[in-house]
PDB file of N, CA and C in Angstrom:
ATOM      1  N   MET A   1      10.633  -2.312 -24.124  1.00  0.00           N
ATOM      2  CA  MET A   1       9.814  -1.119 -24.008  1.00  0.00           C
ATOM      3  C   MET A   1      10.743   0.086 -24.081  1.00  0.00           C
ATOM      4  N   GLY A   2      10.299   1.133 -24.695  1.00  0.00           N
ATOM      5  CA  GLY A   2      11.114   2.329 -24.804  1.00  0.00           C
ATOM      6  C   GLY A   2      10.351   3.541 -24.346  1.00  0.00           C
ATOM      7  N   LYS A   3      10.962   4.658 -24.511  1.00  0.00           N
ATOM      8  CA  LYS A   3      10.315   5.908 -24.134  1.00  0.00           C
ATOM      9  C   LYS A   3      10.369   6.849 -25.317  1.00  0.00           C
ATOM     10  N   THR A   4       9.465   7.779 -25.347  1.00  0.00           N
ATOM     11  CA  THR A   4       9.452   8.794 -26.382  1.00  0.00           C
ATOM     12  C   THR A   4       9.327  10.145 -25.703  1.00  0.00           C
ATOM     13  N   THR A   5       9.589  11.198 -26.441  1.00  0.00           N
ATOM     14  CA  THR A   5       9.392  12.526 -25.896  1.00  0.00           C
ATOM     15  C   THR A   5       8.028  13.026 -26.330  1.00  0.00           C
ATOM     16  N   SER A   6       7.288  13.552 -25.401  1.00  0.00           N
ATOM     17  CA  SER A   6       5.945  14.005 -25.675  1.00  0.00           C
ATOM     18  C   SER A   6       5.811  15.464 -25.283  1.00  0.00           C
ATOM     19  N   THR A   7       5.198  16.240 -26.162  1.00  0.00           N
ATOM     20  CA  THR A   7       4.940  17.634 -25.808  1.00  0.00           C
ATOM     21  C   THR A   7       3.654  17.756 -25.010  1.00  0.00           C
ATOM     22  N   SER A   8       2.940  16.647 -24.827  1.00  0.00           N
ATOM     23  CA  SER A   8       1.688  16.701 -24.076  1.00  0.00           C
ATOM     24  C   SER A   8       1.847  16.186 -22.655  1.00  0.00           C
ATOM     25  N   SER A   9       3.066  16.160 -22.144  1.00  0.00           N
ATOM     26  CA  SER A   9       3.296  15.581 -20.817  1.00  0.00           C
ATOM     27  C   SER A   9       3.051  16.595 -19.703  1.00  0.00           C
ATOM     28  N   CYS A  10       1.873  17.125 -19.697  1.00  0.00           N
ATOM     29  CA  CYS A  10       1.387  18.006 -18.648  1.00  0.00           C
ATOM     30  C   CYS A  10       2.274  19.226 -18.397  1.00  0.00           C
ATOM     31  N   PRO A  11       2.477  20.066 -19.411  1.00  0.00           N
ATOM     32  CA  PRO A  11       3.292  21.260 -19.215  1.00  0.00           C
ATOM     33  C   PRO A  11       2.687  22.234 -18.217  1.00  0.00           C
ATOM     34  N   ILE A  12       1.375  22.195 -18.040  1.00  0.00           N
ATOM     35  CA  ILE A  12       0.735  23.113 -17.100  1.00  0.00           C
ATOM     36  C   ILE A  12       1.193  22.799 -15.679  1.00  0.00           C
ATOM     37  N   THR A  13       1.198  21.520 -15.305  1.00  0.00           N
ATOM     38  CA  THR A  13       1.647  21.141 -13.968  1.00  0.00           C
ATOM     39  C   THR A  13       3.082  21.572 -13.748  1.00  0.00           C
ATOM     40  N   GLY A  14       3.953  21.289 -14.719  1.00  0.00           N
ATOM     41  CA  GLY A  14       5.349  21.686 -14.610  1.00  0.00           C
ATOM     42  C   GLY A  14       5.499  23.189 -14.465  1.00  0.00           C
ATOM     43  N   ALA A  15       4.712  23.942 -15.216  1.00  0.00           N
ATOM     44  CA  ALA A  15       4.780  25.403 -15.135  1.00  0.00           C
ATOM     45  C   ALA A  15       4.331  25.905 -13.767  1.00  0.00           C
ATOM     46  N   LEU A  16       3.328  25.268 -13.197  1.00  0.00           N
ATOM     47  CA  LEU A  16       2.860  25.675 -11.866  1.00  0.00           C
ATOM     48  C   LEU A  16       3.933  25.437 -10.801  1.00  0.00           C
ATOM     49  N   PHE A  17       4.595  24.282 -10.877  1.00  0.00           N
ATOM     50  CA  PHE A  17       5.677  24.007  -9.931  1.00  0.00           C
ATOM     51  C   PHE A  17       6.822  24.997 -10.138  1.00  0.00           C
ATOM     52  N   ARG A  18       7.180  25.238 -11.388  1.00  0.00           N
ATOM     53  CA  ARG A  18       8.293  26.142 -11.705  1.00  0.00           C
ATOM     54  C   ARG A  18       8.005  27.541 -11.171  1.00  0.00           C
ATOM     55  N   LYS A  19       6.773  27.974 -11.328  1.00  0.00           N
ATOM     56  CA  LYS A  19       6.357  29.306 -10.875  1.00  0.00           C
ATOM     57  C   LYS A  19       6.523  29.459  -9.358  1.00  0.00           C
ATOM     58  N   ARG A  20       6.446  28.359  -8.650  1.00  0.00           N
ATOM     59  CA  ARG A  20       6.572  28.368  -7.189  1.00  0.00           C
ATOM     60  C   ARG A  20       7.982  28.017  -6.715  1.00  0.00           C
ATOM     61  N   GLY A  21       8.933  27.967  -7.666  1.00  0.00           N
ATOM     62  CA  GLY A  21      10.332  27.754  -7.291  1.00  0.00           C
ATOM     63  C   GLY A  21      10.765  26.307  -7.189  1.00  0.00           C
ATOM     64  N   TYR A  22      10.061  25.423  -7.906  1.00  0.00           N
ATOM     65  CA  TYR A  22      10.415  24.011  -7.914  1.00  0.00           C
ATOM     66  C   TYR A  22      10.884  23.606  -9.307  1.00  0.00           C
ATOM     67  N   SER A  23      11.846  22.694  -9.353  1.00  0.00           N
ATOM     68  CA  SER A  23      12.348  22.151 -10.617  1.00  0.00           C
ATOM     69  C   SER A  23      12.002  20.672 -10.690  1.00  0.00           C
ATOM     70  N   ALA A  24      11.780  20.208 -11.919  1.00  0.00           N
ATOM     71  CA  ALA A  24      11.472  18.790 -12.147  1.00  0.00           C
ATOM     72  C   ALA A  24      12.766  18.006 -12.328  1.00  0.00           C
ATOM     73  N   PHE A  25      12.827  16.867 -11.649  1.00  0.00           N
ATOM     74  CA  PHE A  25      13.951  15.947 -11.802  1.00  0.00           C
ATOM     75  C   PHE A  25      13.377  14.596 -12.208  1.00  0.00           C
ATOM     76  N   ASP A  26      13.817  14.104 -13.340  1.00  0.00           N
ATOM     77  CA  ASP A  26      13.335  12.820 -13.858  1.00  0.00           C
ATOM     78  C   ASP A  26      14.383  11.750 -13.554  1.00  0.00           C
ATOM     79  N   TYR A  27      14.601  11.532 -12.278  1.00  0.00           N
ATOM     80  CA  TYR A  27      15.647  10.626 -11.817  1.00  0.00           C
ATOM     81  C   TYR A  27      15.168   9.178 -11.675  1.00  0.00           C
ATOM     82  N   LEU A  28      13.980   8.996 -11.129  1.00  0.00           N
ATOM     83  CA  LEU A  28      13.518   7.649 -10.800  1.00  0.00           C
ATOM     84  C   LEU A  28      12.979   6.857 -11.985  1.00  0.00           C
ATOM     85  N   ARG A  29      12.225   7.490 -12.866  1.00  0.00           N
ATOM     86  CA  ARG A  29      11.580   6.731 -13.940  1.00  0.00           C
ATOM     87  C   ARG A  29      12.559   5.923 -14.789  1.00  0.00           C
ATOM     88  N   PRO A  30      13.693   6.486 -15.207  1.00  0.00           N
ATOM     89  CA  PRO A  30      14.606   5.671 -16.010  1.00  0.00           C
ATOM     90  C   PRO A  30      15.133   4.450 -15.249  1.00  0.00           C
ATOM     91  N   LEU A  31      15.134   4.524 -13.934  1.00  0.00           N
ATOM     92  CA  LEU A  31      15.635   3.411 -13.126  1.00  0.00           C
ATOM     93  C   LEU A  31      14.603   2.304 -12.940  1.00  0.00           C
ATOM     94  N   VAL A  32      13.320   2.651 -12.972  1.00  0.00           N
ATOM     95  CA  VAL A  32      12.290   1.673 -12.603  1.00  0.00           C
ATOM     96  C   VAL A  32      11.249   1.384 -13.687  1.00  0.00           C
ATOM     97  N   PHE A  33      11.287   2.050 -14.831  1.00  0.00           N
ATOM     98  CA  PHE A  33      10.168   1.934 -15.759  1.00  0.00           C
ATOM     99  C   PHE A  33       9.983   0.544 -16.343  1.00  0.00           C
ATOM    100  N   GLU A  34      10.969  -0.318 -16.266  1.00  0.00           N
ATOM    101  CA  GLU A  34      10.810  -1.683 -16.768  1.00  0.00           C
ATOM    102  C   GLU A  34      10.649  -2.715 -15.651  1.00  0.00           C
ATOM    103  N   ASP A  35      10.489  -2.280 -14.410  1.00  0.00           N
ATOM    104  CA  ASP A  35      10.390  -3.193 -13.278  1.00  0.00           C
ATOM    105  C   ASP A  35       8.926  -3.543 -13.007  1.00  0.00           C
ATOM    106  N   PRO A  36       8.490  -4.756 -13.383  1.00  0.00           N
ATOM    107  CA  PRO A  36       7.083  -5.114 -13.196  1.00  0.00           C
ATOM    108  C   PRO A  36       6.681  -5.257 -11.730  1.00  0.00           C
ATOM    109  N   ALA A  37       7.629  -5.290 -10.815  1.00  0.00           N
ATOM    110  CA  ALA A  37       7.302  -5.374  -9.387  1.00  0.00           C
ATOM    111  C   ALA A  37       6.757  -4.049  -8.858  1.00  0.00           C
ATOM    112  N   ILE A  38       6.946  -2.989  -9.620  1.00  0.00           N
ATOM    113  CA  ILE A  38       6.461  -1.659  -9.231  1.00  0.00           C
ATOM    114  C   ILE A  38       5.232  -1.353 -10.086  1.00  0.00           C
ATOM    115  N   ALA A  39       4.169  -0.902  -9.458  1.00  0.00           N
ATOM    116  CA  ALA A  39       2.935  -0.576 -10.186  1.00  0.00           C
ATOM    117  C   ALA A  39       3.244   0.403 -11.315  1.00  0.00           C
ATOM    118  N   ARG A  40       2.644   0.149 -12.469  1.00  0.00           N
ATOM    119  CA  ARG A  40       2.986   0.952 -13.654  1.00  0.00           C
ATOM    120  C   ARG A  40       2.734   2.444 -13.451  1.00  0.00           C
ATOM    121  N   TRP A  41       1.710   2.792 -12.669  1.00  0.00           N
ATOM    122  CA  TRP A  41       1.459   4.222 -12.438  1.00  0.00           C
ATOM    123  C   TRP A  41       2.707   4.889 -11.862  1.00  0.00           C
ATOM    124  N   TYR A  42       3.345   4.248 -10.897  1.00  0.00           N
ATOM    125  CA  TYR A  42       4.549   4.806 -10.282  1.00  0.00           C
ATOM    126  C   TYR A  42       5.743   4.735 -11.229  1.00  0.00           C
ATOM    127  N   ARG A  43       5.852   3.638 -11.974  1.00  0.00           N
ATOM    128  CA  ARG A  43       6.982   3.492 -12.903  1.00  0.00           C
ATOM    129  C   ARG A  43       6.978   4.587 -13.961  1.00  0.00           C
ATOM    130  N   PHE A  44       5.809   4.944 -14.439  1.00  0.00           N
ATOM    131  CA  PHE A  44       5.724   5.849 -15.584  1.00  0.00           C
ATOM    132  C   PHE A  44       5.473   7.303 -15.213  1.00  0.00           C
ATOM    133  N   ASN A  45       5.143   7.584 -13.970  1.00  0.00           N
ATOM    134  CA  ASN A  45       4.714   8.940 -13.622  1.00  0.00           C
ATOM    135  C   ASN A  45       5.470   9.610 -12.483  1.00  0.00           C
ATOM    136  N   THR A  46       6.446   8.953 -11.892  1.00  0.00           N
ATOM    137  CA  THR A  46       7.107   9.535 -10.733  1.00  0.00           C
ATOM    138  C   THR A  46       8.151  10.563 -11.153  1.00  0.00           C
ATOM    139  N   ILE A  47       7.825  11.802 -10.929  1.00  0.00           N
ATOM    140  CA  ILE A  47       8.711  12.932 -11.201  1.00  0.00           C
ATOM    141  C   ILE A  47       8.974  13.603  -9.861  1.00  0.00           C
ATOM    142  N   LEU A  48      10.206  13.932  -9.601  1.00  0.00           N
ATOM    143  CA  LEU A  48      10.535  14.649  -8.372  1.00  0.00           C
ATOM    144  C   LEU A  48      10.461  16.148  -8.653  1.00  0.00           C
ATOM    145  N   TYR A  49       9.693  16.863  -7.870  1.00  0.00           N
ATOM    146  CA  TYR A  49       9.675  18.322  -7.940  1.00  0.00           C
ATOM    147  C   TYR A  49      10.340  18.809  -6.661  1.00  0.00           C
ATOM    148  N   VAL A  50      11.459  19.458  -6.809  1.00  0.00           N
ATOM    149  CA  VAL A  50      12.304  19.832  -5.675  1.00  0.00           C
ATOM    150  C   VAL A  50      12.487  21.342  -5.674  1.00  0.00           C
ATOM    151  N   SER A  51      12.370  21.948  -4.491  1.00  0.00           N
ATOM    152  CA  SER A  51      12.576  23.398  -4.404  1.00  0.00           C
ATOM    153  C   SER A  51      14.016  23.716  -4.816  1.00  0.00           C
ATOM    154  N   ASP A  52      14.188  24.856  -5.438  1.00  0.00           N
ATOM    155  CA  ASP A  52      15.500  25.221  -5.981  1.00  0.00           C
ATOM    156  C   ASP A  52      16.582  25.269  -4.915  1.00  0.00           C
ATOM    157  N   ASP A  53      16.246  25.717  -3.704  1.00  0.00           N
ATOM    158  CA  ASP A  53      17.270  25.788  -2.654  1.00  0.00           C
ATOM    159  C   ASP A  53      17.739  24.398  -2.218  1.00  0.00           C
ATOM    160  N   ILE A  54      16.876  23.405  -2.319  1.00  0.00           N
ATOM    161  CA  ILE A  54      17.262  22.022  -1.998  1.00  0.00           C
ATOM    162  C   ILE A  54      17.931  21.365  -3.206  1.00  0.00           C
ATOM    163  N   GLY A  55      17.461  21.697  -4.392  1.00  0.00           N
ATOM    164  CA  GLY A  55      17.990  21.085  -5.613  1.00  0.00           C
ATOM    165  C   GLY A  55      19.495  21.224  -5.760  1.00  0.00           C
ATOM    166  N   VAL A  56      20.039  22.336  -5.355  1.00  0.00           N
ATOM    167  CA  VAL A  56      21.496  22.541  -5.485  1.00  0.00           C
ATOM    168  C   VAL A  56      22.284  21.637  -4.543  1.00  0.00           C
ATOM    169  N   ARG A  57      21.611  21.084  -3.534  1.00  0.00           N
ATOM    170  CA  ARG A  57      22.297  20.210  -2.569  1.00  0.00           C
ATOM    171  C   ARG A  57      22.117  18.722  -2.880  1.00  0.00           C
ATOM    172  N   LEU A  58      21.383  18.406  -3.931  1.00  0.00           N
ATOM    173  CA  LEU A  58      21.181  17.003  -4.295  1.00  0.00           C
ATOM    174  C   LEU A  58      22.470  16.397  -4.826  1.00  0.00           C
ATOM    175  N   PRO A  59      22.602  15.075  -4.751  1.00  0.00           N
ATOM    176  CA  PRO A  59      23.780  14.430  -5.347  1.00  0.00           C
ATOM    177  C   PRO A  59      23.860  14.742  -6.845  1.00  0.00           C
ATOM    178  N   GLU A  60      25.046  14.776  -7.356  1.00  0.00           N
ATOM    179  CA  GLU A  60      25.259  15.102  -8.773  1.00  0.00           C
ATOM    180  C   GLU A  60      24.440  14.200  -9.688  1.00  0.00           C
ATOM    181  N   SER A  61      24.330  12.917  -9.366  1.00  0.00           N
ATOM    182  CA  SER A  61      23.573  11.993 -10.222  1.00  0.00           C
ATOM    183  C   SER A  61      22.108  12.410 -10.336  1.00  0.00           C
ATOM    184  N   VAL A  62      21.548  12.962  -9.284  1.00  0.00           N
ATOM    185  CA  VAL A  62      20.164  13.430  -9.319  1.00  0.00           C
ATOM    186  C   VAL A  62      20.100  14.774 -10.038  1.00  0.00           C
ATOM    187  N   ARG A  63      21.025  15.666  -9.755  1.00  0.00           N
ATOM    188  CA  ARG A  63      21.024  16.988 -10.405  1.00  0.00           C
ATOM    189  C   ARG A  63      21.105  16.864 -11.922  1.00  0.00           C
ATOM    190  N   ARG A  64      21.816  15.857 -12.422  1.00  0.00           N
ATOM    191  CA  ARG A  64      21.921  15.672 -13.883  1.00  0.00           C
ATOM    192  C   ARG A  64      20.583  15.310 -14.516  1.00  0.00           C
ATOM    193  N   SER A  65      19.629  14.857 -13.708  1.00  0.00           N
ATOM    194  CA  SER A  65      18.328  14.470 -14.249  1.00  0.00           C
ATOM    195  C   SER A  65      17.328  15.629 -14.281  1.00  0.00           C
ATOM    196  N   ARG A  66      17.788  16.835 -13.930  1.00  0.00           N
ATOM    197  CA  ARG A  66      16.885  17.994 -13.948  1.00  0.00           C
ATOM    198  C   ARG A  66      16.372  18.219 -15.369  1.00  0.00           C
ATOM    199  N   VAL A  67      15.070  18.416 -15.479  1.00  0.00           N
ATOM    200  CA  VAL A  67      14.443  18.660 -16.776  1.00  0.00           C
ATOM    201  C   VAL A  67      14.474  20.167 -17.021  1.00  0.00           C
ATOM    202  N   PRO A  68      15.103  20.607 -18.119  1.00  0.00           N
ATOM    203  CA  PRO A  68      15.105  22.045 -18.417  1.00  0.00           C
ATOM    204  C   PRO A  68      13.671  22.589 -18.473  1.00  0.00           C
ATOM    205  N   ASP A  69      13.496  23.829 -18.050  1.00  0.00           N
ATOM    206  CA  ASP A  69      12.166  24.415 -17.904  1.00  0.00           C
ATOM    207  C   ASP A  69      11.301  24.289 -19.159  1.00  0.00           C
ATOM    208  N   ALA A  70      11.848  24.517 -20.330  1.00  0.00           N
ATOM    209  CA  ALA A  70      11.052  24.515 -21.556  1.00  0.00           C
ATOM    210  C   ALA A  70      10.945  23.130 -22.195  1.00  0.00           C
ATOM    211  N   GLN A  71      11.566  22.127 -21.613  1.00  0.00           N
ATOM    212  CA  GLN A  71      11.593  20.792 -22.215  1.00  0.00           C
ATOM    213  C   GLN A  71      10.445  19.937 -21.709  1.00  0.00           C
ATOM    214  N   ALA A  72       9.814  19.214 -22.622  1.00  0.00           N
ATOM    215  CA  ALA A  72       8.768  18.273 -22.232  1.00  0.00           C
ATOM    216  C   ALA A  72       9.412  17.071 -21.550  1.00  0.00           C
ATOM    217  N   LEU A  73       8.670  16.462 -20.650  1.00  0.00           N
ATOM    218  CA  LEU A  73       9.157  15.249 -19.992  1.00  0.00           C
ATOM    219  C   LEU A  73       9.115  14.080 -20.969  1.00  0.00           C
ATOM    220  N   ASP A  74      10.036  13.148 -20.816  1.00  0.00           N
ATOM    221  CA  ASP A  74       9.968  11.918 -21.594  1.00  0.00           C
ATOM    222  C   ASP A  74       8.695  11.191 -21.201  1.00  0.00           C
ATOM    223  N   TYR A  75       8.076  10.571 -22.169  1.00  0.00           N
ATOM    224  CA  TYR A  75       6.802   9.895 -21.973  1.00  0.00           C
ATOM    225  C   TYR A  75       7.050   8.402 -21.970  1.00  0.00           C
ATOM    226  N   TYR A  76       6.895   7.758 -20.845  1.00  0.00           N
ATOM    227  CA  TYR A  76       7.243   6.354 -20.687  1.00  0.00           C
ATOM    228  C   TYR A  76       6.096   5.379 -20.926  1.00  0.00           C
ATOM    229  N   TRP A  77       4.869   5.857 -21.005  1.00  0.00           N
ATOM    230  CA  TRP A  77       3.747   4.933 -21.171  1.00  0.00           C
ATOM    231  C   TRP A  77       3.844   4.230 -22.507  1.00  0.00           C
ATOM    232  N   PRO A  78       3.781   2.887 -22.516  1.00  0.00           N
ATOM    233  CA  PRO A  78       3.798   2.140 -23.779  1.00  0.00           C
ATOM    234  C   PRO A  78       2.567   2.467 -24.631  1.00  0.00           C
ATOM    235  N   ALA A  79       2.663   2.216 -25.913  1.00  0.00           N
ATOM    236  CA  ALA A  79       1.580   2.544 -26.853  1.00  0.00           C
ATOM    237  C   ALA A  79       0.257   1.891 -26.445  1.00  0.00           C
ATOM    238  N   ALA A  80       0.292   0.644 -25.976  1.00  0.00           N
ATOM    239  CA  ALA A  80      -0.950  -0.043 -25.587  1.00  0.00           C
ATOM    240  C   ALA A  80      -1.655   0.706 -24.451  1.00  0.00           C
ATOM    241  N   TYR A  81      -0.913   1.217 -23.494  1.00  0.00           N
ATOM    242  CA  TYR A  81      -1.524   1.950 -22.382  1.00  0.00           C
ATOM    243  C   TYR A  81      -2.022   3.324 -22.836  1.00  0.00           C
ATOM    244  N   ARG A  82      -1.302   3.950 -23.750  1.00  0.00           N
ATOM    245  CA  ARG A  82      -1.772   5.242 -24.276  1.00  0.00           C
ATOM    246  C   ARG A  82      -3.104   5.056 -24.996  1.00  0.00           C
ATOM    247  N   LEU A  83      -3.219   3.967 -25.773  1.00  0.00           N
ATOM    248  CA  LEU A  83      -4.472   3.671 -26.470  1.00  0.00           C
ATOM    249  C   LEU A  83      -5.585   3.408 -25.459  1.00  0.00           C
ATOM    250  N   ARG A  84      -5.278   2.599 -24.458  1.00  0.00           N
ATOM    251  CA  ARG A  84      -6.247   2.298 -23.397  1.00  0.00           C
ATOM    252  C   ARG A  84      -6.734   3.578 -22.740  1.00  0.00           C
ATOM    253  N   ASN A  85      -5.814   4.474 -22.406  1.00  0.00           N
ATOM    254  CA  ASN A  85      -6.184   5.728 -21.749  1.00  0.00           C
ATOM    255  C   ASN A  85      -6.996   6.631 -22.668  1.00  0.00           C
ATOM    256  N   ALA A  86      -6.688   6.606 -23.970  1.00  0.00           N
ATOM    257  CA  ALA A  86      -7.463   7.406 -24.924  1.00  0.00           C
ATOM    258  C   ALA A  86      -8.913   6.931 -24.960  1.00  0.00           C
ATOM    259  N   VAL A  87      -9.118   5.616 -24.895  1.00  0.00           N
ATOM    260  CA  VAL A  87     -10.473   5.062 -24.871  1.00  0.00           C
ATOM    261  C   VAL A  87     -11.170   5.424 -23.564  1.00  0.00           C
ATOM    262  N   ILE A  88     -10.457   5.260 -22.449  1.00  0.00           N
ATOM    263  CA  ILE A  88     -11.051   5.539 -21.138  1.00  0.00           C
ATOM    264  C   ILE A  88     -11.480   7.002 -21.021  1.00  0.00           C
ATOM    265  N   ARG A  89     -10.699   7.907 -21.584  1.00  0.00           N
ATOM    266  CA  ARG A  89     -11.056   9.336 -21.509  1.00  0.00           C
ATOM    267  C   ARG A  89     -12.377   9.642 -22.198  1.00  0.00           C
ATOM    268  N   ARG A  90     -12.797   8.782 -23.104  1.00  0.00           N
ATOM    269  CA  ARG A  90     -14.042   9.015 -23.835  1.00  0.00           C
ATOM    270  C   ARG A  90     -15.260   8.353 -23.174  1.00  0.00           C
ATOM    271  N   LEU A  91     -15.035   7.577 -22.124  1.00  0.00           N
ATOM    272  CA  LEU A  91     -16.131   6.914 -21.423  1.00  0.00           C
ATOM    273  C   LEU A  91     -16.778   7.865 -20.419  1.00  0.00           C
ATOM    274  N   PRO A  92     -18.043   7.627 -20.114  1.00  0.00           N
ATOM    275  CA  PRO A  92     -18.700   8.437 -19.074  1.00  0.00           C
ATOM    276  C   PRO A  92     -17.984   8.249 -17.729  1.00  0.00           C
ATOM    277  N   THR A  93     -17.955   9.285 -16.934  1.00  0.00           N
ATOM    278  CA  THR A  93     -17.269   9.270 -15.648  1.00  0.00           C
ATOM    279  C   THR A  93     -17.751   8.140 -14.755  1.00  0.00           C
ATOM    280  N   GLY A  94     -19.037   7.891 -14.724  1.00  0.00           N
ATOM    281  CA  GLY A  94     -19.575   6.827 -13.886  1.00  0.00           C
ATOM    282  C   GLY A  94     -19.025   5.459 -14.257  1.00  0.00           C
ATOM    283  N   VAL A  95     -18.864   5.206 -15.547  1.00  0.00           N
ATOM    284  CA  VAL A  95     -18.299   3.931 -16.003  1.00  0.00           C
ATOM    285  C   VAL A  95     -16.838   3.826 -15.575  1.00  0.00           C
ATOM    286  N   VAL A  96     -16.095   4.898 -15.767  1.00  0.00           N
ATOM    287  CA  VAL A  96     -14.680   4.899 -15.381  1.00  0.00           C
ATOM    288  C   VAL A  96     -14.545   4.672 -13.877  1.00  0.00           C
ATOM    289  N   ASN A  97     -15.368   5.333 -13.083  1.00  0.00           N
ATOM    290  CA  ASN A  97     -15.308   5.169 -11.633  1.00  0.00           C
ATOM    291  C   ASN A  97     -15.622   3.731 -11.224  1.00  0.00           C
ATOM    292  N   ARG A  98     -16.610   3.131 -11.869  1.00  0.00           N
ATOM    293  CA  ARG A  98     -16.983   1.746 -11.533  1.00  0.00           C
ATOM    294  C   ARG A  98     -15.850   0.783 -11.894  1.00  0.00           C
ATOM    295  N   VAL A  99     -15.274   0.932 -13.067  1.00  0.00           N
ATOM    296  CA  VAL A  99     -14.161   0.074 -13.489  1.00  0.00           C
ATOM    297  C   VAL A  99     -12.966   0.272 -12.555  1.00  0.00           C
ATOM    298  N   SER A 100     -12.700   1.502 -12.159  1.00  0.00           N
ATOM    299  CA  SER A 100     -11.603   1.780 -11.222  1.00  0.00           C
ATOM    300  C   SER A 100     -11.841   1.082  -9.885  1.00  0.00           C
ATOM    301  N   HIS A 101     -13.071   1.130  -9.436  1.00  0.00           N
ATOM    302  CA  HIS A 101     -13.405   0.473  -8.168  1.00  0.00           C
ATOM    303  C   HIS A 101     -13.198  -1.042  -8.275  1.00  0.00           C
ATOM    304  N   ILE A 102     -13.651  -1.629  -9.362  1.00  0.00           N
ATOM    305  CA  ILE A 102     -13.480  -3.075  -9.570  1.00  0.00           C
ATOM    306  C   ILE A 102     -11.986  -3.423  -9.609  1.00  0.00           C
ATOM    307  N   ASN A 103     -11.193  -2.629 -10.323  1.00  0.00           N
ATOM    308  CA  ASN A 103      -9.749  -2.866 -10.375  1.00  0.00           C
ATOM    309  C   ASN A 103      -9.122  -2.764  -8.990  1.00  0.00           C
ATOM    310  N   ALA A 104      -9.571  -1.815  -8.200  1.00  0.00           N
ATOM    311  CA  ALA A 104      -9.031  -1.661  -6.844  1.00  0.00           C
ATOM    312  C   ALA A 104      -9.366  -2.872  -5.985  1.00  0.00           C
ATOM    313  N   VAL A 105     -10.585  -3.373  -6.103  1.00  0.00           N
ATOM    314  CA  VAL A 105     -10.986  -4.566  -5.345  1.00  0.00           C
ATOM    315  C   VAL A 105     -10.127  -5.749  -5.774  1.00  0.00           C
ATOM    316  N   TRP A 106      -9.943  -5.935  -7.084  1.00  0.00           N
ATOM    317  CA  TRP A 106      -9.112  -7.034  -7.580  1.00  0.00           C
ATOM    318  C   TRP A 106      -7.666  -6.908  -7.073  1.00  0.00           C
ATOM    319  N   ALA A 107      -7.155  -5.693  -7.124  1.00  0.00           N
ATOM    320  CA  ALA A 107      -5.764  -5.483  -6.662  1.00  0.00           C
ATOM    321  C   ALA A 107      -5.639  -5.807  -5.178  1.00  0.00           C
ATOM    322  N   ALA A 108      -6.637  -5.436  -4.382  1.00  0.00           N
ATOM    323  CA  ALA A 108      -6.596  -5.712  -2.948  1.00  0.00           C
ATOM    324  C   ALA A 108      -6.638  -7.215  -2.677  1.00  0.00           C
ATOM    325  N   ARG A 109      -7.253  -7.947  -3.565  1.00  0.00           N
ATOM    326  CA  ARG A 109      -7.325  -9.417  -3.423  1.00  0.00           C
ATOM    327  C   ARG A 109      -6.116 -10.107  -4.030  1.00  0.00           C
ATOM    328  N   GLY A 110      -5.247  -9.330  -4.660  1.00  0.00           N
ATOM    329  CA  GLY A 110      -4.047  -9.908  -5.259  1.00  0.00           C
ATOM    330  C   GLY A 110      -4.236 -10.402  -6.678  1.00  0.00           C
ATOM    331  N   ALA A 111      -5.381 -10.100  -7.288  1.00  0.00           N
ATOM    332  CA  ALA A 111      -5.629 -10.512  -8.672  1.00  0.00           C
ATOM    333  C   ALA A 111      -5.006  -9.493  -9.624  1.00  0.00           C
ATOM    334  N   PRO A 112      -4.588  -9.928 -10.815  1.00  0.00           N
ATOM    335  CA  PRO A 112      -4.035  -8.969 -11.777  1.00  0.00           C
ATOM    336  C   PRO A 112      -5.105  -8.001 -12.251  1.00  0.00           C
ATOM    337  N   ALA A 113      -4.720  -6.739 -12.395  1.00  0.00           N
ATOM    338  CA  ALA A 113      -5.679  -5.716 -12.834  1.00  0.00           C
ATOM    339  C   ALA A 113      -5.727  -5.638 -14.329  1.00  0.00           C
TER     340      ALA A 113
END
């Protein structure tokens, strides 16, 4: 599995954090994105937003992962999941909510989602 750069990786959210004095650090995703023991939502979406005054005190290894303000985040979702999400976005909200509920019940029982 690989990653690509996407210009659609929620620039609005990043801009809102930046406006409030927070910087994005993409430190964790490269470390965990291929680990199936971690739920894919966390593997592909965990971005650290750290206030600038704290960011300067982070370890160098974390500081190197700071995403420049104008740069899009790397997009880790595999093509199959992007396709799945594109289909889900076109479904009625009630259907999506019901499927989400069923998946949550299955996950709580230990069944694969």
